[in-house]
Amino acid sequence: MDKSRFNEWFNKKTVIELIKPQVAEEFLDGIQKSEELYKELATSYRNEFFYKNTLFNKYLLGTYSLNTSIAMSEIEINKSKADFALINRKKSFVIEIKTDLDTLDKLIYQIEDYYKVFSMVYVLTSENYYYQVYRLTKDTNVGIMVLTQKNAISVRKQATEDYSKLSHESLFQLLRKNEYERLIEKQFDNVPEVKPIFKYATYQSMFKKIELIKAQKLVFNILLGRKNKNDVEYLNRVPLELRWLVYQSQLNKEKFERLLNNLQGGF
């Protein structure tokens, strides 16, 4: 099996090609075979992209809503990068993905890092890894999801909320400069004037004065503000196999319409 075909098509370069005013002739064949290629991926090479796309379609487009939630990926938390997180005002959780192509060597350390930001942590794995993951996490608050042979997501162990490991530093590091400035200036009446070089440390020090659970909620509300309003209007019109790639691309209205036109021409 030529695995390179999957990696060449299901990546960000595909979206870049699809938003061009005119799609290259050699690219049209890929558009026409996209659904067929995805079915092959689902049966013979369920990689991390397949897991993420399945999560996105089930949770953000199924259980939750593009209007009220945001999905994030590759979130740097301490020494780890979280694979997938869903945030909304009522319920937020992070998911570490372990496919059959992965090892479990770093799992416990990754989970420890994720609890510094999220109070609900899940591991999503295959049937092959389920019992190994269960043995590693059975006495913890970590939940376990399994991507079944039929490519459904089954929750085998519910996660339990744990706020005991939250960290001001880790939460603050998720914010962009304009975001943490806005948060601090809204929460405190007197914000000292400091030189730009000292602003991060000063604002972080003030952030640490906020009660931890409230601090988490404030940060998550800011992250929700990064939602792309165009996703709501257009994303359900994107073929299922490309939705996660398109969602991550944060397209404006013009590029979304161009992408959809190009897709319609290719299918």
C-alpha atoms as a PDB file:
ATOM      1  CA  MET A   1       0.000   0.000   0.000  1.00  0.00           C
ATOM      2  CA  ASP A   2       1.319   3.426  -0.983  1.00  0.00           C
ATOM      3  CA  LYS A   3       0.737   5.458   2.189  1.00  0.00           C
ATOM      4  CA  SER A   4       2.181   8.603   0.630  1.00  0.00           C
ATOM      5  CA  ARG A   5      -1.059   9.075  -1.345  1.00  0.00           C
ATOM      6  CA  PHE A   6      -2.943   9.749   1.893  1.00  0.00           C
ATOM      7  CA  ASN A   7      -0.349  12.147   3.266  1.00  0.00           C
ATOM      8  CA  GLU A   8      -0.092  14.037   0.002  1.00  0.00           C
ATOM      9  CA  TRP A   9      -3.830  14.656  -0.236  1.00  0.00           C
ATOM     10  CA  PHE A  10      -4.991  15.036   3.362  1.00  0.00           C
ATOM     11  CA  ASN A  11      -2.822  17.990   4.367  1.00  0.00           C
ATOM     12  CA  LYS A  12      -2.994  21.786   4.421  1.00  0.00           C
ATOM     13  CA  LYS A  13      -1.511  22.067   0.936  1.00  0.00           C
ATOM     14  CA  THR A  14      -4.755  20.637  -0.418  1.00  0.00           C
ATOM     15  CA  VAL A  15      -6.739  23.551   0.999  1.00  0.00           C
ATOM     16  CA  ILE A  16      -4.188  26.030  -0.351  1.00  0.00           C
ATOM     17  CA  GLU A  17      -4.685  24.547  -3.833  1.00  0.00           C
ATOM     18  CA  LEU A  18      -8.458  24.538  -3.503  1.00  0.00           C
ATOM     19  CA  ILE A  19      -8.701  28.259  -2.731  1.00  0.00           C
ATOM     20  CA  LYS A  20      -6.747  29.313  -5.801  1.00  0.00           C
ATOM     21  CA  PRO A  21      -8.751  31.167  -8.472  1.00  0.00           C
ATOM     22  CA  GLN A  22      -8.026  28.302 -10.832  1.00  0.00           C
ATOM     23  CA  VAL A  23      -7.219  24.769  -9.704  1.00  0.00           C
ATOM     24  CA  ALA A  24      -4.306  23.139 -11.496  1.00  0.00           C
ATOM     25  CA  GLU A  25      -5.364  20.475 -13.990  1.00  0.00           C
ATOM     26  CA  GLU A  26      -3.310  17.745 -12.294  1.00  0.00           C
ATOM     27  CA  PHE A  27      -5.058  18.533  -9.008  1.00  0.00           C
ATOM     28  CA  LEU A  28      -8.561  17.838 -10.325  1.00  0.00           C
ATOM     29  CA  ASP A  29      -7.965  14.089 -10.281  1.00  0.00           C
ATOM     30  CA  GLY A  30      -7.328  14.268  -6.526  1.00  0.00           C
ATOM     31  CA  ILE A  31     -10.606  16.119  -5.963  1.00  0.00           C
ATOM     32  CA  GLN A  32     -12.538  13.468  -7.852  1.00  0.00           C
ATOM     33  CA  LYS A  33     -10.926  10.631  -5.901  1.00  0.00           C
ATOM     34  CA  SER A  34     -11.071  12.313  -2.481  1.00  0.00           C
ATOM     35  CA  GLU A  35     -14.024  10.355  -1.073  1.00  0.00           C
ATOM     36  CA  GLU A  36     -12.673   7.062  -2.414  1.00  0.00           C
ATOM     37  CA  LEU A  37      -9.244   7.780  -0.916  1.00  0.00           C
ATOM     38  CA  TYR A  38     -10.806   8.593   2.460  1.00  0.00           C
ATOM     39  CA  LYS A  39     -12.694   5.291   2.512  1.00  0.00           C
ATOM     40  CA  GLU A  40      -9.430   3.496   1.897  1.00  0.00           C
ATOM     41  CA  LEU A  41      -7.833   5.502   4.706  1.00  0.00           C
ATOM     42  CA  ALA A  42     -10.673   4.441   7.015  1.00  0.00           C
ATOM     43  CA  THR A  43     -10.147   0.751   6.354  1.00  0.00           C
ATOM     44  CA  SER A  44      -6.385   0.385   5.999  1.00  0.00           C
ATOM     45  CA  TYR A  45      -4.469   3.343   7.474  1.00  0.00           C
ATOM     46  CA  ARG A  46      -6.269   5.147  10.275  1.00  0.00           C
ATOM     47  CA  ASN A  47      -3.688   7.814  11.018  1.00  0.00           C
ATOM     48  CA  GLU A  48      -3.892  10.844  13.314  1.00  0.00           C
ATOM     49  CA  PHE A  49      -5.611  12.952  10.669  1.00  0.00           C
ATOM     50  CA  PHE A  50      -8.376  10.354  10.337  1.00  0.00           C
ATOM     51  CA  TYR A  51      -8.907  10.348  14.117  1.00  0.00           C
ATOM     52  CA  LYS A  52      -9.061  14.163  14.253  1.00  0.00           C
ATOM     53  CA  ASN A  53     -11.443  14.432  11.324  1.00  0.00           C
ATOM     54  CA  THR A  54     -13.692  11.804  12.914  1.00  0.00           C
ATOM     55  CA  LEU A  55     -13.664  13.685  16.228  1.00  0.00           C
ATOM     56  CA  PHE A  56     -14.444  16.950  14.500  1.00  0.00           C
ATOM     57  CA  ASN A  57     -17.389  15.577  12.549  1.00  0.00           C
ATOM     58  CA  LYS A  58     -18.822  13.755  15.580  1.00  0.00           C
ATOM     59  CA  TYR A  59     -18.394  16.412  18.229  1.00  0.00           C
ATOM     60  CA  LEU A  60     -18.196  19.880  16.738  1.00  0.00           C
ATOM     61  CA  LEU A  61     -20.595  19.238  13.863  1.00  0.00           C
ATOM     62  CA  GLY A  62     -22.641  16.591  15.660  1.00  0.00           C
ATOM     63  CA  THR A  63     -22.950  16.791  19.429  1.00  0.00           C
ATOM     64  CA  TYR A  64     -21.976  20.433  19.859  1.00  0.00           C
ATOM     65  CA  SER A  65     -22.198  23.453  17.553  1.00  0.00           C
ATOM     66  CA  LEU A  66     -19.957  25.665  15.452  1.00  0.00           C
ATOM     67  CA  ASN A  67     -21.882  28.616  16.867  1.00  0.00           C
ATOM     68  CA  THR A  68     -20.934  27.944  20.482  1.00  0.00           C
ATOM     69  CA  SER A  69     -17.772  25.840  20.379  1.00  0.00           C
ATOM     70  CA  ILE A  70     -14.241  25.829  19.050  1.00  0.00           C
ATOM     71  CA  ALA A  71     -11.930  22.897  18.288  1.00  0.00           C
ATOM     72  CA  MET A  72      -8.184  23.322  18.639  1.00  0.00           C
ATOM     73  CA  SER A  73      -5.187  21.162  17.794  1.00  0.00           C
ATOM     74  CA  GLU A  74      -1.467  20.968  18.600  1.00  0.00           C
ATOM     75  CA  ILE A  75      -1.896  23.118  21.718  1.00  0.00           C
ATOM     76  CA  GLU A  76       1.424  23.560  23.495  1.00  0.00           C
ATOM     77  CA  ILE A  77       1.064  22.855  27.212  1.00  0.00           C
ATOM     78  CA  ASN A  78       4.364  22.664  29.016  1.00  0.00           C
ATOM     79  CA  LYS A  79       6.393  19.980  27.196  1.00  0.00           C
ATOM     80  CA  SER A  80       3.409  18.414  25.435  1.00  0.00           C
ATOM     81  CA  LYS A  81       1.226  19.189  22.435  1.00  0.00           C
ATOM     82  CA  ALA A  82      -2.437  18.337  22.857  1.00  0.00           C
ATOM     83  CA  ASP A  83      -3.869  16.605  19.788  1.00  0.00           C
ATOM     84  CA  PHE A  84      -7.459  17.838  19.977  1.00  0.00           C
ATOM     85  CA  ALA A  85      -9.468  20.032  22.333  1.00  0.00           C
ATOM     86  CA  LEU A  86     -13.065  21.174  22.295  1.00  0.00           C
ATOM     87  CA  ILE A  87     -14.061  24.278  24.222  1.00  0.00           C
ATOM     88  CA  ASN A  88     -17.478  25.764  24.856  1.00  0.00           C
ATOM     89  CA  ARG A  89     -19.117  27.636  27.718  1.00  0.00           C
ATOM     90  CA  LYS A  90     -20.675  24.543  29.285  1.00  0.00           C
ATOM     91  CA  LYS A  91     -18.155  21.756  28.733  1.00  0.00           C
ATOM     92  CA  SER A  92     -14.525  21.652  27.624  1.00  0.00           C
ATOM     93  CA  PHE A  93     -12.136  18.734  27.302  1.00  0.00           C
ATOM     94  CA  VAL A  94      -8.843  17.710  25.729  1.00  0.00           C
ATOM     95  CA  ILE A  95      -8.146  14.457  23.885  1.00  0.00           C
ATOM     96  CA  GLU A  96      -4.830  12.718  23.434  1.00  0.00           C
ATOM     97  CA  ILE A  97      -4.911  10.484  20.350  1.00  0.00           C
ATOM     98  CA  LYS A  98      -3.065   7.185  20.294  1.00  0.00           C
ATOM     99  CA  THR A  99      -3.437   5.411  16.958  1.00  0.00           C
ATOM    100  CA  ASP A 100      -2.056   1.983  16.125  1.00  0.00           C
ATOM    101  CA  LEU A 101       0.883   3.870  14.612  1.00  0.00           C
ATOM    102  CA  ASP A 102       1.821   5.413  17.999  1.00  0.00           C
ATOM    103  CA  THR A 103       3.428   4.213  21.213  1.00  0.00           C
ATOM    104  CA  LEU A 104       2.218   4.862  24.758  1.00  0.00           C
ATOM    105  CA  ASP A 105       5.628   5.805  26.141  1.00  0.00           C
ATOM    106  CA  LYS A 106       4.822   9.463  26.869  1.00  0.00           C
ATOM    107  CA  LEU A 107       1.126   9.140  27.669  1.00  0.00           C
ATOM    108  CA  ILE A 108       1.282   9.604  31.448  1.00  0.00           C
ATOM    109  CA  TYR A 109       3.511  12.689  31.135  1.00  0.00           C
ATOM    110  CA  GLN A 110       1.242  14.168  28.453  1.00  0.00           C
ATOM    111  CA  ILE A 111      -1.813  13.676  30.657  1.00  0.00           C
ATOM    112  CA  GLU A 112      -0.082  15.413  33.563  1.00  0.00           C
ATOM    113  CA  ASP A 113       0.626  18.415  31.349  1.00  0.00           C
ATOM    114  CA  TYR A 114      -2.938  18.606  30.006  1.00  0.00           C
ATOM    115  CA  TYR A 115      -4.413  18.804  33.507  1.00  0.00           C
ATOM    116  CA  LYS A 116      -2.553  22.095  33.949  1.00  0.00           C
ATOM    117  CA  VAL A 117      -5.059  23.673  31.522  1.00  0.00           C
ATOM    118  CA  PHE A 118      -8.027  21.312  31.177  1.00  0.00           C
ATOM    119  CA  SER A 119     -10.068  19.743  33.951  1.00  0.00           C
ATOM    120  CA  MET A 120     -11.351  16.927  31.711  1.00  0.00           C
ATOM    121  CA  VAL A 121      -8.889  14.692  29.830  1.00  0.00           C
ATOM    122  CA  TYR A 122      -9.622  11.813  27.454  1.00  0.00           C
ATOM    123  CA  VAL A 123      -7.489   9.358  25.532  1.00  0.00           C
ATOM    124  CA  LEU A 124      -8.844   8.264  22.148  1.00  0.00           C
ATOM    125  CA  THR A 125      -7.368   5.015  20.895  1.00  0.00           C
ATOM    126  CA  SER A 126      -8.165   1.849  18.961  1.00  0.00           C
ATOM    127  CA  GLU A 127      -9.466  -1.490  20.225  1.00  0.00           C
ATOM    128  CA  ASN A 128      -5.886  -2.765  19.986  1.00  0.00           C
ATOM    129  CA  TYR A 129      -4.623  -0.291  22.574  1.00  0.00           C
ATOM    130  CA  TYR A 130      -7.688  -0.046  24.791  1.00  0.00           C
ATOM    131  CA  TYR A 131      -6.602  -2.414  27.573  1.00  0.00           C
ATOM    132  CA  GLN A 132      -3.096  -0.968  27.704  1.00  0.00           C
ATOM    133  CA  VAL A 133      -4.519   2.543  28.039  1.00  0.00           C
ATOM    134  CA  TYR A 134      -7.030   1.302  30.610  1.00  0.00           C
ATOM    135  CA  ARG A 135      -4.293  -0.239  32.742  1.00  0.00           C
ATOM    136  CA  LEU A 136      -2.325   3.005  32.677  1.00  0.00           C
ATOM    137  CA  THR A 137      -5.295   5.221  33.593  1.00  0.00           C
ATOM    138  CA  LYS A 138      -7.759   3.017  35.533  1.00  0.00           C
ATOM    139  CA  ASP A 139      -7.102   4.709  38.887  1.00  0.00           C
ATOM    140  CA  THR A 140      -7.238   8.236  37.494  1.00  0.00           C
ATOM    141  CA  ASN A 141      -9.908  10.711  36.350  1.00  0.00           C
ATOM    142  CA  VAL A 142      -8.887  10.229  32.712  1.00  0.00           C
ATOM    143  CA  GLY A 143     -11.610   9.095  30.304  1.00  0.00           C
ATOM    144  CA  ILE A 144     -11.115   6.650  27.451  1.00  0.00           C
ATOM    145  CA  MET A 145     -12.673   6.734  23.991  1.00  0.00           C
ATOM    146  CA  VAL A 146     -12.259   4.021  21.364  1.00  0.00           C
ATOM    147  CA  LEU A 147     -12.438   4.423  17.592  1.00  0.00           C
ATOM    148  CA  THR A 148     -14.264   1.209  16.763  1.00  0.00           C
ATOM    149  CA  GLN A 149     -13.771  -0.993  13.723  1.00  0.00           C
ATOM    150  CA  LYS A 150     -16.860   0.696  12.238  1.00  0.00           C
ATOM    151  CA  ASN A 151     -15.201   4.116  12.786  1.00  0.00           C
ATOM    152  CA  ALA A 152     -17.620   5.210  15.497  1.00  0.00           C
ATOM    153  CA  ILE A 153     -16.351   6.823  18.695  1.00  0.00           C
ATOM    154  CA  SER A 154     -17.318   4.852  21.790  1.00  0.00           C
ATOM    155  CA  VAL A 155     -16.786   6.325  25.265  1.00  0.00           C
ATOM    156  CA  ARG A 156     -15.622   3.367  27.368  1.00  0.00           C
ATOM    157  CA  LYS A 157     -14.688   5.319  30.490  1.00  0.00           C
ATOM    158  CA  GLN A 158     -16.144   8.715  31.355  1.00  0.00           C
ATOM    159  CA  ALA A 159     -13.690  11.418  32.353  1.00  0.00           C
ATOM    160  CA  THR A 160     -14.183  13.011  35.763  1.00  0.00           C
ATOM    161  CA  GLU A 161     -13.473  16.688  36.303  1.00  0.00           C
ATOM    162  CA  ASP A 162     -10.230  17.415  38.145  1.00  0.00           C
ATOM    163  CA  TYR A 163      -9.328  21.023  38.899  1.00  0.00           C
ATOM    164  CA  SER A 164      -6.546  20.228  41.358  1.00  0.00           C
ATOM    165  CA  LYS A 165      -3.682  20.478  38.870  1.00  0.00           C
ATOM    166  CA  LEU A 166      -4.630  23.705  37.043  1.00  0.00           C
ATOM    167  CA  SER A 167      -1.756  26.134  36.540  1.00  0.00           C
ATOM    168  CA  HIS A 168      -1.962  29.915  36.112  1.00  0.00           C
ATOM    169  CA  GLU A 169       1.266  29.860  34.083  1.00  0.00           C
ATOM    170  CA  SER A 170       0.032  27.214  31.635  1.00  0.00           C
ATOM    171  CA  LEU A 171      -3.328  28.920  31.166  1.00  0.00           C
ATOM    172  CA  PHE A 172      -1.735  32.309  30.598  1.00  0.00           C
ATOM    173  CA  GLN A 173       0.634  30.890  27.979  1.00  0.00           C
ATOM    174  CA  LEU A 174      -2.324  30.000  25.756  1.00  0.00           C
ATOM    175  CA  LEU A 175      -3.143  33.680  25.225  1.00  0.00           C
ATOM    176  CA  ARG A 176      -1.894  36.028  22.575  1.00  0.00           C
ATOM    177  CA  LYS A 177      -0.595  39.450  23.578  1.00  0.00           C
ATOM    178  CA  ASN A 178      -3.781  41.351  22.731  1.00  0.00           C
ATOM    179  CA  GLU A 179      -5.832  38.673  24.501  1.00  0.00           C
ATOM    180  CA  TYR A 180      -4.028  38.738  27.830  1.00  0.00           C
ATOM    181  CA  GLU A 181      -3.925  42.537  27.754  1.00  0.00           C
ATOM    182  CA  ARG A 182      -7.690  42.647  27.267  1.00  0.00           C
ATOM    183  CA  LEU A 183      -8.293  40.082  30.017  1.00  0.00           C
ATOM    184  CA  ILE A 184      -6.153  41.852  32.632  1.00  0.00           C
ATOM    185  CA  GLU A 185      -7.407  45.335  31.797  1.00  0.00           C
ATOM    186  CA  LYS A 186     -10.983  44.117  32.148  1.00  0.00           C
ATOM    187  CA  GLN A 187     -10.401  42.269  35.443  1.00  0.00           C
ATOM    188  CA  PHE A 188      -8.368  44.933  37.267  1.00  0.00           C
ATOM    189  CA  ASP A 189      -9.131  48.597  37.830  1.00  0.00           C
ATOM    190  CA  ASN A 190      -5.499  49.646  38.178  1.00  0.00           C
ATOM    191  CA  VAL A 191      -3.080  48.204  35.671  1.00  0.00           C
ATOM    192  CA  PRO A 192       0.450  49.610  36.023  1.00  0.00           C
ATOM    193  CA  GLU A 193       2.176  51.307  33.104  1.00  0.00           C
ATOM    194  CA  VAL A 194       5.306  49.285  32.300  1.00  0.00           C
ATOM    195  CA  LYS A 195       7.800  49.086  29.464  1.00  0.00           C
ATOM    196  CA  PRO A 196       6.833  46.541  26.759  1.00  0.00           C
ATOM    197  CA  ILE A 197       9.661  44.240  27.797  1.00  0.00           C
ATOM    198  CA  PHE A 198       8.130  43.853  31.280  1.00  0.00           C
ATOM    199  CA  LYS A 199       4.480  43.650  30.212  1.00  0.00           C
ATOM    200  CA  TYR A 200       4.210  39.848  29.922  1.00  0.00           C
ATOM    201  CA  ALA A 201       5.677  39.219  33.392  1.00  0.00           C
ATOM    202  CA  THR A 202       3.602  42.010  34.955  1.00  0.00           C
ATOM    203  CA  TYR A 203       0.331  40.838  33.443  1.00  0.00           C
ATOM    204  CA  GLN A 204       1.056  37.206  34.277  1.00  0.00           C
ATOM    205  CA  SER A 205       1.713  38.173  37.886  1.00  0.00           C
ATOM    206  CA  MET A 206      -1.675  39.913  38.014  1.00  0.00           C
ATOM    207  CA  PHE A 207      -3.345  36.932  36.343  1.00  0.00           C
ATOM    208  CA  LYS A 208      -2.092  34.719  39.184  1.00  0.00           C
ATOM    209  CA  LYS A 209      -4.227  36.727  41.596  1.00  0.00           C
ATOM    210  CA  ILE A 210      -7.391  35.428  39.913  1.00  0.00           C
ATOM    211  CA  GLU A 211      -8.907  32.304  41.468  1.00  0.00           C
ATOM    212  CA  LEU A 212      -7.849  29.295  39.334  1.00  0.00           C
ATOM    213  CA  ILE A 213     -11.224  28.003  38.176  1.00  0.00           C
ATOM    214  CA  LYS A 214     -12.299  31.524  37.293  1.00  0.00           C
ATOM    215  CA  ALA A 215      -8.976  32.039  35.470  1.00  0.00           C
ATOM    216  CA  GLN A 216      -9.599  28.896  33.420  1.00  0.00           C
ATOM    217  CA  LYS A 217     -13.092  30.094  32.510  1.00  0.00           C
ATOM    218  CA  LEU A 218     -11.790  33.527  31.478  1.00  0.00           C
ATOM    219  CA  VAL A 219      -9.112  31.983  29.252  1.00  0.00           C
ATOM    220  CA  PHE A 220     -11.573  29.568  27.632  1.00  0.00           C
ATOM    221  CA  ASN A 221     -13.991  32.425  26.916  1.00  0.00           C
ATOM    222  CA  ILE A 222     -11.197  34.283  25.138  1.00  0.00           C
ATOM    223  CA  LEU A 223     -10.277  31.208  23.100  1.00  0.00           C
ATOM    224  CA  LEU A 224     -13.935  30.914  22.084  1.00  0.00           C
ATOM    225  CA  GLY A 225     -13.603  34.394  20.637  1.00  0.00           C
ATOM    226  CA  ARG A 226     -11.270  32.967  17.989  1.00  0.00           C
ATOM    227  CA  LYS A 227     -14.194  31.211  16.276  1.00  0.00           C
ATOM    228  CA  ASN A 228     -14.485  31.854  12.567  1.00  0.00           C
ATOM    229  CA  LYS A 229     -18.049  33.003  11.791  1.00  0.00           C
ATOM    230  CA  ASN A 230     -17.675  31.804   8.202  1.00  0.00           C
ATOM    231  CA  ASP A 231     -17.395  28.204   9.388  1.00  0.00           C
ATOM    232  CA  VAL A 232     -21.047  28.178  10.427  1.00  0.00           C
ATOM    233  CA  GLU A 233     -22.257  29.265   7.016  1.00  0.00           C
ATOM    234  CA  TYR A 234     -20.046  27.091   4.846  1.00  0.00           C
ATOM    235  CA  LEU A 235     -18.478  24.116   6.623  1.00  0.00           C
ATOM    236  CA  ASN A 236     -21.380  21.681   6.323  1.00  0.00           C
ATOM    237  CA  ARG A 237     -21.136  22.097   2.545  1.00  0.00           C
ATOM    238  CA  VAL A 238     -17.559  20.819   2.570  1.00  0.00           C
ATOM    239  CA  PRO A 239     -17.159  17.059   1.947  1.00  0.00           C
ATOM    240  CA  LEU A 240     -16.869  15.129   5.218  1.00  0.00           C
ATOM    241  CA  GLU A 241     -13.316  13.972   4.517  1.00  0.00           C
ATOM    242  CA  LEU A 242     -11.958  17.530   4.192  1.00  0.00           C
ATOM    243  CA  ARG A 243     -13.787  19.348   6.988  1.00  0.00           C
ATOM    244  CA  TRP A 244     -11.040  19.235   9.621  1.00  0.00           C
ATOM    245  CA  LEU A 245      -8.459  20.525   7.131  1.00  0.00           C
ATOM    246  CA  VAL A 246     -10.732  23.354   6.010  1.00  0.00           C
ATOM    247  CA  TYR A 247     -11.722  24.259   9.577  1.00  0.00           C
ATOM    248  CA  GLN A 248      -8.088  24.634  10.589  1.00  0.00           C
ATOM    249  CA  SER A 249      -7.429  26.927   7.647  1.00  0.00           C
ATOM    250  CA  GLN A 250      -9.592  29.784   9.036  1.00  0.00           C
ATOM    251  CA  LEU A 251     -10.874  30.861   5.613  1.00  0.00           C
ATOM    252  CA  ASN A 252     -12.604  34.159   4.978  1.00  0.00           C
ATOM    253  CA  LYS A 253     -15.865  34.321   3.038  1.00  0.00           C
ATOM    254  CA  GLU A 254     -14.231  34.898  -0.344  1.00  0.00           C
ATOM    255  CA  LYS A 255     -11.846  31.942   0.027  1.00  0.00           C
ATOM    256  CA  PHE A 256     -14.620  29.681   1.322  1.00  0.00           C
ATOM    257  CA  GLU A 257     -16.772  30.417  -1.712  1.00  0.00           C
ATOM    258  CA  ARG A 258     -13.844  29.829  -4.060  1.00  0.00           C
ATOM    259  CA  LEU A 259     -13.075  26.515  -2.366  1.00  0.00           C
ATOM    260  CA  LEU A 260     -16.678  25.337  -2.642  1.00  0.00           C
ATOM    261  CA  ASN A 261     -16.859  26.334  -6.304  1.00  0.00           C
ATOM    262  CA  ASN A 262     -13.647  24.449  -7.041  1.00  0.00           C
ATOM    263  CA  LEU A 263     -14.896  21.385  -5.191  1.00  0.00           C
ATOM    264  CA  GLN A 264     -18.175  21.402  -7.080  1.00  0.00           C
ATOM    265  CA  GLY A 265     -16.244  21.512 -10.320  1.00  0.00           C
ATOM    266  CA  GLY A 266     -14.146  18.547  -9.278  1.00  0.00           C
ATOM    267  CA  PHE A 267     -16.805  16.168  -7.982  1.00  0.00           C
END
